[in-house]
Amino acid sequence: MKKLILTLLLGAFVMAGAFAAPSTGSGTIAFVYFSATGTTERMAKNAAKEMGADIFEIQPVHKYTSADLNWHDKKSLSTIECNDPKSRPAIKAVVSERGAFDISAYDTVVVCYPIWWAYAPKIVYTFVESQNWSGKRLITLCTSGGSGLGRSGSDLTKFAKGADFKGGKDFTHGSGADIKKYIEGFLK
């Protein structure tokens, strides 16, 4: 009977380890992304796969349509949000196949987003402000139609209270391997 109980306990510990967040040797890493068109999603998923990291999507309550993203229209939702420094669009969920995001399970969080009007979309600010960043490393990655990262990463850190901001970069044209090399430089 003791052997059976020990075997069951050992099996439970092994299974719990199988579902733990992946480790890169420098702590656990999560990629959290917002993508309205799929470009940032592809970049974030490729990078997370290359690193063996968890990936989470920031899902807005209001899914952005092509009309909402029309930067030529001063009345489009994205233009209105970007012109209002206090805008914080509601988040429906931050999820993956593993479930809801819990920052306490990670040492490093890589936030990935498109560049809208030289900044991260306001929903990314909503996410960053909702987390307890104490003791967490923050890295930002973006996709851009041409303006690059700019100050978007350092601007986000003003709202990520307690984060240890390591840096950020535009990886519109980078591969998962390029991103892995970039991030591993911060984790040494």
N, C-alpha and C. Protein backbone atom coordinates (compact mmCIF):
# COMPACT_ATOMS: atom_id res chain seq x y z
N MET A 1 0.82 -1.19 0.00
CA MET A 1 0.00 0.00 0.00
C MET A 1 0.87 1.27 0.00
N LYS A 2 1.96 1.23 0.78
CA LYS A 2 2.87 2.38 0.83
C LYS A 2 3.49 2.64 -0.55
N LYS A 3 3.86 1.54 -1.23
CA LYS A 3 4.44 1.69 -2.57
C LYS A 3 3.45 2.33 -3.52
N LEU A 4 2.19 1.97 -3.43
CA LEU A 4 1.16 2.53 -4.30
C LEU A 4 1.00 4.04 -4.03
N ILE A 5 0.95 4.41 -2.77
CA ILE A 5 0.80 5.83 -2.42
C ILE A 5 2.03 6.61 -2.88
N LEU A 6 3.23 6.07 -2.65
CA LEU A 6 4.44 6.73 -3.10
C LEU A 6 4.47 6.87 -4.62
N THR A 7 4.07 5.83 -5.31
CA THR A 7 4.03 5.87 -6.77
C THR A 7 3.05 6.93 -7.26
N LEU A 8 1.89 7.02 -6.63
CA LEU A 8 0.90 8.04 -7.01
C LEU A 8 1.41 9.45 -6.74
N LEU A 9 2.06 9.63 -5.58
CA LEU A 9 2.61 10.95 -5.26
C LEU A 9 3.71 11.34 -6.24
N LEU A 10 4.61 10.40 -6.51
CA LEU A 10 5.68 10.66 -7.46
C LEU A 10 5.12 11.01 -8.84
N GLY A 11 4.10 10.26 -9.26
CA GLY A 11 3.45 10.55 -10.54
C GLY A 11 2.83 11.94 -10.57
N ALA A 12 2.24 12.35 -9.46
CA ALA A 12 1.63 13.69 -9.38
C ALA A 12 2.70 14.77 -9.51
N PHE A 13 3.85 14.57 -8.84
CA PHE A 13 4.93 15.55 -8.93
C PHE A 13 5.50 15.63 -10.35
N VAL A 14 5.65 14.49 -10.99
CA VAL A 14 6.15 14.46 -12.37
C VAL A 14 5.18 15.18 -13.29
N MET A 15 3.88 14.92 -13.14
CA MET A 15 2.87 15.59 -13.98
C MET A 15 2.84 17.08 -13.73
N ALA A 16 2.99 17.49 -12.49
CA ALA A 16 3.00 18.93 -12.17
C ALA A 16 4.18 19.59 -12.85
N GLY A 17 5.32 18.93 -12.88
CA GLY A 17 6.50 19.46 -13.56
C GLY A 17 6.30 19.56 -15.05
N ALA A 18 5.53 18.65 -15.62
CA ALA A 18 5.27 18.67 -17.06
C ALA A 18 4.46 19.87 -17.47
N PHE A 19 3.70 20.44 -16.55
CA PHE A 19 2.86 21.59 -16.87
C PHE A 19 3.44 22.90 -16.34
N ALA A 20 4.64 22.88 -15.82
CA ALA A 20 5.26 24.10 -15.31
C ALA A 20 5.68 24.97 -16.49
N ALA A 21 5.85 26.28 -16.23
CA ALA A 21 6.30 27.19 -17.27
C ALA A 21 7.71 26.79 -17.71
N PRO A 22 8.03 26.94 -19.00
CA PRO A 22 9.34 26.52 -19.48
C PRO A 22 10.44 27.41 -18.90
N SER A 23 11.59 26.83 -18.74
CA SER A 23 12.72 27.59 -18.20
C SER A 23 13.78 27.70 -19.27
N THR A 24 14.40 28.85 -19.35
CA THR A 24 15.48 29.05 -20.30
C THR A 24 16.83 29.00 -19.61
N GLY A 25 16.83 28.66 -18.34
CA GLY A 25 18.07 28.67 -17.58
C GLY A 25 18.24 30.00 -16.86
N SER A 26 17.56 31.02 -17.30
CA SER A 26 17.63 32.34 -16.67
C SER A 26 16.26 32.74 -16.15
N GLY A 27 15.44 31.79 -15.80
CA GLY A 27 14.10 32.08 -15.33
C GLY A 27 13.09 31.81 -16.42
N THR A 28 11.85 32.02 -16.09
CA THR A 28 10.78 31.73 -17.03
C THR A 28 10.42 32.98 -17.83
N ILE A 29 10.00 32.73 -19.06
CA ILE A 29 9.69 33.82 -19.99
C ILE A 29 8.29 33.64 -20.56
N ALA A 30 7.58 34.76 -20.65
CA ALA A 30 6.28 34.78 -21.32
C ALA A 30 6.31 35.87 -22.38
N PHE A 31 5.74 35.57 -23.52
CA PHE A 31 5.50 36.57 -24.56
C PHE A 31 4.02 36.93 -24.46
N VAL A 32 3.73 38.22 -24.38
CA VAL A 32 2.35 38.70 -24.35
C VAL A 32 2.22 39.67 -25.51
N TYR A 33 1.24 39.41 -26.39
CA TYR A 33 1.14 40.24 -27.58
C TYR A 33 -0.27 40.77 -27.79
N PHE A 34 -0.31 41.92 -28.47
CA PHE A 34 -1.56 42.45 -29.02
C PHE A 34 -1.32 42.60 -30.51
N SER A 35 -2.27 42.10 -31.30
CA SER A 35 -2.15 42.19 -32.75
C SER A 35 -3.54 42.41 -33.34
N ALA A 36 -3.66 43.46 -34.14
CA ALA A 36 -4.96 43.75 -34.76
C ALA A 36 -5.06 43.16 -36.16
N THR A 37 -3.92 42.94 -36.82
CA THR A 37 -3.95 42.44 -38.21
C THR A 37 -3.28 41.09 -38.40
N GLY A 38 -2.59 40.59 -37.40
CA GLY A 38 -1.90 39.31 -37.49
C GLY A 38 -0.40 39.42 -37.64
N THR A 39 0.13 40.57 -38.00
CA THR A 39 1.57 40.74 -38.19
C THR A 39 2.33 40.54 -36.88
N THR A 40 1.90 41.23 -35.84
CA THR A 40 2.57 41.11 -34.54
C THR A 40 2.37 39.72 -33.96
N GLU A 41 1.20 39.14 -34.17
CA GLU A 41 0.93 37.79 -33.69
C GLU A 41 1.94 36.81 -34.27
N ARG A 42 2.19 36.87 -35.58
CA ARG A 42 3.15 35.97 -36.22
C ARG A 42 4.54 36.15 -35.62
N MET A 43 4.97 37.39 -35.46
CA MET A 43 6.30 37.67 -34.90
C MET A 43 6.41 37.09 -33.49
N ALA A 44 5.41 37.36 -32.64
CA ALA A 44 5.44 36.91 -31.25
C ALA A 44 5.42 35.39 -31.15
N LYS A 45 4.58 34.75 -31.94
CA LYS A 45 4.48 33.28 -31.90
C LYS A 45 5.77 32.62 -32.39
N ASN A 46 6.38 33.16 -33.44
CA ASN A 46 7.65 32.62 -33.93
C ASN A 46 8.74 32.74 -32.86
N ALA A 47 8.79 33.90 -32.21
CA ALA A 47 9.82 34.12 -31.18
C ALA A 47 9.59 33.22 -29.97
N ALA A 48 8.35 33.11 -29.52
CA ALA A 48 8.04 32.26 -28.36
C ALA A 48 8.37 30.81 -28.67
N LYS A 49 8.04 30.37 -29.87
CA LYS A 49 8.33 28.98 -30.26
C LYS A 49 9.84 28.74 -30.26
N GLU A 50 10.58 29.67 -30.83
CA GLU A 50 12.04 29.55 -30.88
C GLU A 50 12.65 29.47 -29.48
N MET A 51 12.07 30.20 -28.54
CA MET A 51 12.60 30.24 -27.18
C MET A 51 11.99 29.19 -26.26
N GLY A 52 10.97 28.49 -26.73
CA GLY A 52 10.29 27.52 -25.86
C GLY A 52 9.55 28.21 -24.73
N ALA A 53 9.06 29.41 -25.00
CA ALA A 53 8.38 30.23 -23.98
C ALA A 53 6.87 30.15 -24.15
N ASP A 54 6.17 30.53 -23.10
CA ASP A 54 4.71 30.62 -23.16
C ASP A 54 4.31 31.85 -23.94
N ILE A 55 3.15 31.80 -24.56
CA ILE A 55 2.64 32.93 -25.35
C ILE A 55 1.20 33.21 -24.95
N PHE A 56 0.90 34.50 -24.79
CA PHE A 56 -0.43 34.95 -24.39
C PHE A 56 -0.88 36.08 -25.30
N GLU A 57 -2.17 36.09 -25.59
CA GLU A 57 -2.75 37.14 -26.44
C GLU A 57 -3.58 38.10 -25.60
N ILE A 58 -3.37 39.39 -25.83
CA ILE A 58 -4.23 40.41 -25.23
C ILE A 58 -5.44 40.53 -26.16
N GLN A 59 -6.60 40.12 -25.67
CA GLN A 59 -7.82 40.17 -26.46
C GLN A 59 -8.67 41.36 -26.02
N PRO A 60 -8.95 42.29 -26.93
CA PRO A 60 -9.77 43.45 -26.58
C PRO A 60 -11.24 43.09 -26.47
N VAL A 61 -11.96 43.84 -25.66
CA VAL A 61 -13.42 43.68 -25.59
C VAL A 61 -13.99 43.99 -26.97
N HIS A 62 -13.51 45.09 -27.56
CA HIS A 62 -13.96 45.50 -28.89
C HIS A 62 -12.89 45.08 -29.90
N LYS A 63 -13.18 44.11 -30.72
CA LYS A 63 -12.23 43.67 -31.75
C LYS A 63 -12.14 44.76 -32.83
N TYR A 64 -10.93 45.16 -33.15
CA TYR A 64 -10.71 46.24 -34.11
C TYR A 64 -11.02 45.79 -35.54
N THR A 65 -11.82 46.59 -36.23
CA THR A 65 -12.14 46.33 -37.63
C THR A 65 -11.17 47.13 -38.51
N SER A 66 -11.22 46.90 -39.80
CA SER A 66 -10.35 47.68 -40.70
C SER A 66 -10.73 49.16 -40.66
N ALA A 67 -12.00 49.46 -40.47
CA ALA A 67 -12.42 50.86 -40.33
C ALA A 67 -11.85 51.48 -39.06
N ASP A 68 -11.79 50.71 -37.98
CA ASP A 68 -11.22 51.20 -36.72
C ASP A 68 -9.73 51.51 -36.86
N LEU A 69 -9.06 50.83 -37.77
CA LEU A 69 -7.62 50.96 -37.94
C LEU A 69 -7.22 51.95 -39.03
N ASN A 70 -8.19 52.60 -39.66
CA ASN A 70 -7.93 53.53 -40.77
C ASN A 70 -7.28 54.80 -40.24
N TRP A 71 -5.98 54.88 -40.32
CA TRP A 71 -5.25 56.04 -39.79
C TRP A 71 -5.46 57.31 -40.61
N HIS A 72 -6.07 57.19 -41.81
CA HIS A 72 -6.41 58.36 -42.61
C HIS A 72 -7.68 59.04 -42.09
N ASP A 73 -8.46 58.32 -41.31
CA ASP A 73 -9.74 58.83 -40.79
C ASP A 73 -9.54 59.33 -39.36
N LYS A 74 -9.69 60.64 -39.17
CA LYS A 74 -9.50 61.23 -37.84
C LYS A 74 -10.55 60.77 -36.84
N LYS A 75 -11.62 60.12 -37.32
CA LYS A 75 -12.67 59.64 -36.43
C LYS A 75 -12.61 58.12 -36.22
N SER A 76 -11.56 57.48 -36.75
CA SER A 76 -11.44 56.03 -36.53
C SER A 76 -11.08 55.77 -35.07
N LEU A 77 -11.45 54.61 -34.58
CA LEU A 77 -11.25 54.28 -33.18
C LEU A 77 -9.78 54.34 -32.78
N SER A 78 -8.90 53.79 -33.60
CA SER A 78 -7.47 53.80 -33.25
C SER A 78 -6.91 55.22 -33.22
N THR A 79 -7.36 56.09 -34.13
CA THR A 79 -6.90 57.48 -34.13
C THR A 79 -7.38 58.20 -32.88
N ILE A 80 -8.62 58.01 -32.52
CA ILE A 80 -9.18 58.63 -31.31
C ILE A 80 -8.42 58.16 -30.08
N GLU A 81 -8.19 56.85 -29.97
CA GLU A 81 -7.46 56.30 -28.81
C GLU A 81 -6.04 56.86 -28.74
N CYS A 82 -5.36 56.88 -29.87
CA CYS A 82 -3.97 57.34 -29.88
C CYS A 82 -3.83 58.82 -29.56
N ASN A 83 -4.85 59.59 -29.86
CA ASN A 83 -4.81 61.02 -29.56
C ASN A 83 -5.25 61.36 -28.14
N ASP A 84 -5.69 60.36 -27.38
CA ASP A 84 -6.13 60.57 -26.00
C ASP A 84 -5.17 59.86 -25.06
N PRO A 85 -4.28 60.61 -24.38
CA PRO A 85 -3.30 59.98 -23.50
C PRO A 85 -3.92 59.16 -22.36
N LYS A 86 -5.16 59.44 -22.03
CA LYS A 86 -5.83 58.73 -20.93
C LYS A 86 -6.64 57.52 -21.41
N SER A 87 -6.70 57.31 -22.71
CA SER A 87 -7.47 56.19 -23.25
C SER A 87 -6.88 54.87 -22.78
N ARG A 88 -7.73 54.00 -22.28
CA ARG A 88 -7.33 52.66 -21.86
C ARG A 88 -8.45 51.69 -22.26
N PRO A 89 -8.41 51.20 -23.50
CA PRO A 89 -9.43 50.26 -23.97
C PRO A 89 -9.50 49.02 -23.07
N ALA A 90 -10.69 48.51 -22.91
CA ALA A 90 -10.91 47.36 -22.04
C ALA A 90 -10.36 46.08 -22.65
N ILE A 91 -9.82 45.25 -21.78
CA ILE A 91 -9.31 43.94 -22.18
C ILE A 91 -10.34 42.88 -21.81
N LYS A 92 -10.67 42.04 -22.77
CA LYS A 92 -11.57 40.92 -22.54
C LYS A 92 -10.83 39.83 -21.77
N ALA A 93 -9.60 39.50 -22.21
CA ALA A 93 -8.80 38.46 -21.57
C ALA A 93 -7.36 38.54 -22.06
N VAL A 94 -6.45 37.97 -21.27
CA VAL A 94 -5.07 37.75 -21.68
C VAL A 94 -4.86 36.26 -21.50
N VAL A 95 -4.92 35.53 -22.61
CA VAL A 95 -4.99 34.07 -22.53
C VAL A 95 -4.10 33.36 -23.54
N SER A 96 -3.92 32.08 -23.29
CA SER A 96 -3.26 31.17 -24.21
C SER A 96 -3.94 29.83 -24.10
N GLU A 97 -3.37 28.85 -24.77
CA GLU A 97 -3.89 27.49 -24.64
C GLU A 97 -3.73 26.99 -23.21
N ARG A 98 -2.79 27.57 -22.48
CA ARG A 98 -2.52 27.17 -21.09
C ARG A 98 -3.49 27.81 -20.11
N GLY A 99 -4.22 28.81 -20.53
CA GLY A 99 -5.14 29.50 -19.65
C GLY A 99 -4.83 30.97 -19.54
N ALA A 100 -5.29 31.59 -18.46
CA ALA A 100 -5.13 33.03 -18.25
C ALA A 100 -3.69 33.36 -17.83
N PHE A 101 -3.25 34.54 -18.20
CA PHE A 101 -1.91 35.03 -17.86
C PHE A 101 -1.83 35.35 -16.38
N ASP A 102 -0.74 34.92 -15.76
CA ASP A 102 -0.44 35.24 -14.36
C ASP A 102 1.03 35.63 -14.30
N ILE A 103 1.28 36.92 -14.16
CA ILE A 103 2.65 37.43 -14.20
C ILE A 103 3.54 36.83 -13.12
N SER A 104 2.95 36.39 -12.02
CA SER A 104 3.77 35.85 -10.92
C SER A 104 4.51 34.57 -11.33
N ALA A 105 4.11 33.93 -12.41
CA ALA A 105 4.76 32.70 -12.86
C ALA A 105 5.99 32.96 -13.73
N TYR A 106 6.30 34.22 -14.00
CA TYR A 106 7.37 34.53 -14.95
C TYR A 106 8.36 35.53 -14.37
N ASP A 107 9.62 35.38 -14.79
CA ASP A 107 10.68 36.32 -14.42
C ASP A 107 10.82 37.42 -15.46
N THR A 108 10.56 37.06 -16.72
CA THR A 108 10.71 37.99 -17.84
C THR A 108 9.44 37.97 -18.68
N VAL A 109 8.94 39.16 -18.99
CA VAL A 109 7.76 39.27 -19.86
C VAL A 109 8.17 40.11 -21.07
N VAL A 110 7.95 39.53 -22.25
CA VAL A 110 8.23 40.22 -23.50
C VAL A 110 6.89 40.68 -24.05
N VAL A 111 6.70 41.98 -24.10
CA VAL A 111 5.44 42.55 -24.59
C VAL A 111 5.63 42.93 -26.05
N CYS A 112 4.76 42.39 -26.90
CA CYS A 112 4.86 42.58 -28.35
C CYS A 112 3.63 43.32 -28.86
N TYR A 113 3.83 44.29 -29.72
CA TYR A 113 2.73 45.13 -30.19
C TYR A 113 3.09 45.81 -31.51
N PRO A 114 2.07 46.24 -32.25
CA PRO A 114 2.33 47.06 -33.44
C PRO A 114 2.56 48.51 -33.01
N ILE A 115 3.16 49.28 -33.87
CA ILE A 115 3.32 50.71 -33.60
C ILE A 115 2.16 51.44 -34.26
N TRP A 116 1.46 52.23 -33.43
CA TRP A 116 0.37 53.08 -33.91
C TRP A 116 0.74 54.52 -33.56
N TRP A 117 0.93 55.34 -34.55
CA TRP A 117 1.22 56.76 -34.34
C TRP A 117 2.42 56.93 -33.41
N ALA A 118 3.45 56.16 -33.63
CA ALA A 118 4.73 56.21 -32.91
C ALA A 118 4.70 55.62 -31.50
N TYR A 119 3.59 55.04 -31.09
CA TYR A 119 3.48 54.46 -29.74
C TYR A 119 2.85 53.07 -29.80
N ALA A 120 2.87 52.41 -28.67
CA ALA A 120 2.13 51.16 -28.53
C ALA A 120 0.64 51.50 -28.50
N PRO A 121 -0.23 50.62 -29.00
CA PRO A 121 -1.67 50.86 -28.89
C PRO A 121 -2.07 51.00 -27.42
N LYS A 122 -3.07 51.80 -27.17
CA LYS A 122 -3.47 52.10 -25.79
C LYS A 122 -3.90 50.85 -25.02
N ILE A 123 -4.36 49.81 -25.69
CA ILE A 123 -4.74 48.58 -24.98
C ILE A 123 -3.51 47.92 -24.35
N VAL A 124 -2.33 48.15 -24.91
CA VAL A 124 -1.10 47.63 -24.31
C VAL A 124 -0.82 48.37 -23.01
N TYR A 125 -1.13 49.65 -22.95
CA TYR A 125 -1.01 50.41 -21.70
C TYR A 125 -1.97 49.84 -20.65
N THR A 126 -3.19 49.49 -21.09
CA THR A 126 -4.16 48.88 -20.18
C THR A 126 -3.55 47.63 -19.55
N PHE A 127 -2.94 46.79 -20.39
CA PHE A 127 -2.32 45.56 -19.90
C PHE A 127 -1.18 45.86 -18.93
N VAL A 128 -0.26 46.71 -19.35
CA VAL A 128 0.93 47.01 -18.54
C VAL A 128 0.53 47.56 -17.17
N GLU A 129 -0.45 48.45 -17.15
CA GLU A 129 -0.88 49.05 -15.88
C GLU A 129 -1.59 48.05 -14.97
N SER A 130 -2.10 46.97 -15.51
CA SER A 130 -2.87 46.01 -14.72
C SER A 130 -1.99 44.97 -14.03
N GLN A 131 -0.69 45.01 -14.25
CA GLN A 131 0.21 43.98 -13.73
C GLN A 131 1.08 44.49 -12.59
N ASN A 132 1.52 43.58 -11.73
CA ASN A 132 2.49 43.89 -10.68
C ASN A 132 3.87 43.52 -11.22
N TRP A 133 4.63 44.52 -11.60
CA TRP A 133 5.91 44.32 -12.26
C TRP A 133 7.09 44.20 -11.30
N SER A 134 6.87 44.26 -10.02
CA SER A 134 7.97 44.21 -9.05
C SER A 134 8.81 42.95 -9.26
N GLY A 135 10.10 43.15 -9.47
CA GLY A 135 11.02 42.03 -9.65
C GLY A 135 10.95 41.37 -11.01
N LYS A 136 10.23 41.95 -11.96
CA LYS A 136 10.09 41.35 -13.30
C LYS A 136 10.90 42.13 -14.33
N ARG A 137 11.50 41.39 -15.26
CA ARG A 137 12.17 42.03 -16.39
C ARG A 137 11.13 42.26 -17.49
N LEU A 138 11.21 43.41 -18.12
CA LEU A 138 10.31 43.76 -19.22
C LEU A 138 11.14 44.06 -20.46
N ILE A 139 10.78 43.38 -21.54
CA ILE A 139 11.39 43.62 -22.86
C ILE A 139 10.24 43.91 -23.81
N THR A 140 10.41 44.89 -24.68
CA THR A 140 9.35 45.21 -25.64
C THR A 140 9.84 44.94 -27.07
N LEU A 141 8.95 44.37 -27.86
CA LEU A 141 9.21 44.13 -29.27
C LEU A 141 8.04 44.68 -30.06
N CYS A 142 8.32 45.25 -31.21
CA CYS A 142 7.22 45.79 -32.00
C CYS A 142 7.34 45.37 -33.45
N THR A 143 6.24 45.58 -34.15
CA THR A 143 6.21 45.53 -35.61
C THR A 143 5.78 46.92 -36.05
N SER A 144 6.27 47.33 -37.20
CA SER A 144 6.01 48.70 -37.62
C SER A 144 5.98 48.80 -39.14
N GLY A 145 5.16 49.72 -39.61
CA GLY A 145 5.10 49.98 -41.04
C GLY A 145 6.22 50.88 -41.51
N GLY A 146 7.07 51.34 -40.59
CA GLY A 146 8.19 52.17 -41.01
C GLY A 146 8.75 53.08 -39.94
N SER A 147 8.01 53.33 -38.88
CA SER A 147 8.50 54.28 -37.88
C SER A 147 9.40 53.65 -36.83
N GLY A 148 9.43 52.33 -36.72
CA GLY A 148 10.29 51.67 -35.75
C GLY A 148 9.78 51.78 -34.33
N LEU A 149 10.56 51.30 -33.38
CA LEU A 149 10.17 51.24 -31.97
C LEU A 149 10.01 52.63 -31.37
N GLY A 150 10.85 53.56 -31.78
CA GLY A 150 10.79 54.91 -31.20
C GLY A 150 10.95 54.85 -29.70
N ARG A 151 10.16 55.65 -28.97
CA ARG A 151 10.22 55.64 -27.50
C ARG A 151 9.11 54.79 -26.91
N SER A 152 8.46 53.97 -27.72
CA SER A 152 7.31 53.23 -27.22
C SER A 152 7.66 52.32 -26.05
N GLY A 153 8.79 51.65 -26.11
CA GLY A 153 9.19 50.76 -25.01
C GLY A 153 9.46 51.52 -23.73
N SER A 154 10.27 52.56 -23.82
CA SER A 154 10.58 53.33 -22.61
C SER A 154 9.34 54.06 -22.10
N ASP A 155 8.45 54.45 -23.00
CA ASP A 155 7.21 55.10 -22.57
C ASP A 155 6.33 54.11 -21.79
N LEU A 156 6.24 52.88 -22.26
CA LEU A 156 5.45 51.88 -21.55
C LEU A 156 5.97 51.63 -20.14
N THR A 157 7.28 51.70 -19.97
CA THR A 157 7.84 51.41 -18.64
C THR A 157 7.40 52.43 -17.60
N LYS A 158 7.01 53.61 -18.01
CA LYS A 158 6.48 54.60 -17.05
C LYS A 158 5.21 54.07 -16.39
N PHE A 159 4.53 53.17 -17.07
CA PHE A 159 3.26 52.63 -16.57
C PHE A 159 3.43 51.21 -16.01
N ALA A 160 4.61 50.64 -16.20
CA ALA A 160 4.91 49.30 -15.67
C ALA A 160 5.71 49.49 -14.38
N LYS A 161 5.04 49.94 -13.36
CA LYS A 161 5.68 50.29 -12.09
C LYS A 161 6.46 49.10 -11.53
N GLY A 162 7.75 49.33 -11.26
CA GLY A 162 8.61 48.31 -10.67
C GLY A 162 9.32 47.42 -11.66
N ALA A 163 9.03 47.56 -12.95
CA ALA A 163 9.66 46.70 -13.97
C ALA A 163 11.12 47.08 -14.15
N ASP A 164 11.92 46.08 -14.44
CA ASP A 164 13.31 46.28 -14.82
C ASP A 164 13.32 46.24 -16.36
N PHE A 165 13.22 47.42 -16.98
CA PHE A 165 13.13 47.50 -18.44
C PHE A 165 14.50 47.23 -19.04
N LYS A 166 14.57 46.19 -19.86
CA LYS A 166 15.84 45.80 -20.46
C LYS A 166 16.07 46.41 -21.83
N GLY A 167 15.01 46.77 -22.51
CA GLY A 167 15.15 47.36 -23.83
C GLY A 167 14.07 46.86 -24.76
N GLY A 168 14.13 47.37 -25.98
CA GLY A 168 13.14 46.99 -26.96
C GLY A 168 13.68 47.17 -28.36
N LYS A 169 12.99 46.55 -29.31
CA LYS A 169 13.47 46.61 -30.69
C LYS A 169 12.33 46.31 -31.65
N ASP A 170 12.44 46.87 -32.84
CA ASP A 170 11.50 46.58 -33.93
C ASP A 170 11.97 45.30 -34.61
N PHE A 171 11.09 44.30 -34.62
CA PHE A 171 11.41 43.04 -35.28
C PHE A 171 10.40 42.73 -36.38
N THR A 172 9.99 43.75 -37.12
CA THR A 172 9.07 43.56 -38.23
C THR A 172 9.61 42.53 -39.21
N HIS A 173 10.91 42.59 -39.46
CA HIS A 173 11.53 41.70 -40.45
C HIS A 173 12.49 40.69 -39.82
N GLY A 174 12.50 40.56 -38.53
CA GLY A 174 13.40 39.62 -37.86
C GLY A 174 12.79 38.24 -37.73
N SER A 175 13.64 37.25 -37.59
CA SER A 175 13.19 35.87 -37.42
C SER A 175 13.10 35.54 -35.93
N GLY A 176 12.48 34.40 -35.64
CA GLY A 176 12.43 33.93 -34.26
C GLY A 176 13.83 33.75 -33.69
N ALA A 177 14.77 33.27 -34.52
CA ALA A 177 16.15 33.08 -34.07
C ALA A 177 16.81 34.43 -33.75
N ASP A 178 16.53 35.46 -34.56
CA ASP A 178 17.07 36.80 -34.31
C ASP A 178 16.57 37.33 -32.96
N ILE A 179 15.29 37.13 -32.71
CA ILE A 179 14.68 37.61 -31.47
C ILE A 179 15.26 36.84 -30.28
N LYS A 180 15.41 35.54 -30.42
CA LYS A 180 15.99 34.73 -29.34
C LYS A 180 17.37 35.24 -28.98
N LYS A 181 18.21 35.49 -29.98
CA LYS A 181 19.57 36.01 -29.73
C LYS A 181 19.50 37.36 -29.02
N TYR A 182 18.61 38.22 -29.45
CA TYR A 182 18.46 39.54 -28.85
C TYR A 182 18.06 39.42 -27.37
N ILE A 183 17.05 38.62 -27.08
CA ILE A 183 16.55 38.48 -25.71
C ILE A 183 17.56 37.78 -24.82
N GLU A 184 18.21 36.75 -25.32
CA GLU A 184 19.20 36.05 -24.51
C GLU A 184 20.35 36.96 -24.09
N GLY A 185 20.62 38.00 -24.87
CA GLY A 185 21.64 38.99 -24.48
C GLY A 185 21.29 39.70 -23.18
N PHE A 186 20.00 39.84 -22.88
CA PHE A 186 19.57 40.49 -21.64
C PHE A 186 19.55 39.55 -20.46
N LEU A 187 19.53 38.25 -20.72
CA LEU A 187 19.33 37.27 -19.66
C LEU A 187 20.63 36.70 -19.11
N LYS A 188 21.74 37.10 -19.65
CA LYS A 188 23.05 36.59 -19.19
C LYS A 188 23.46 37.21 -17.89
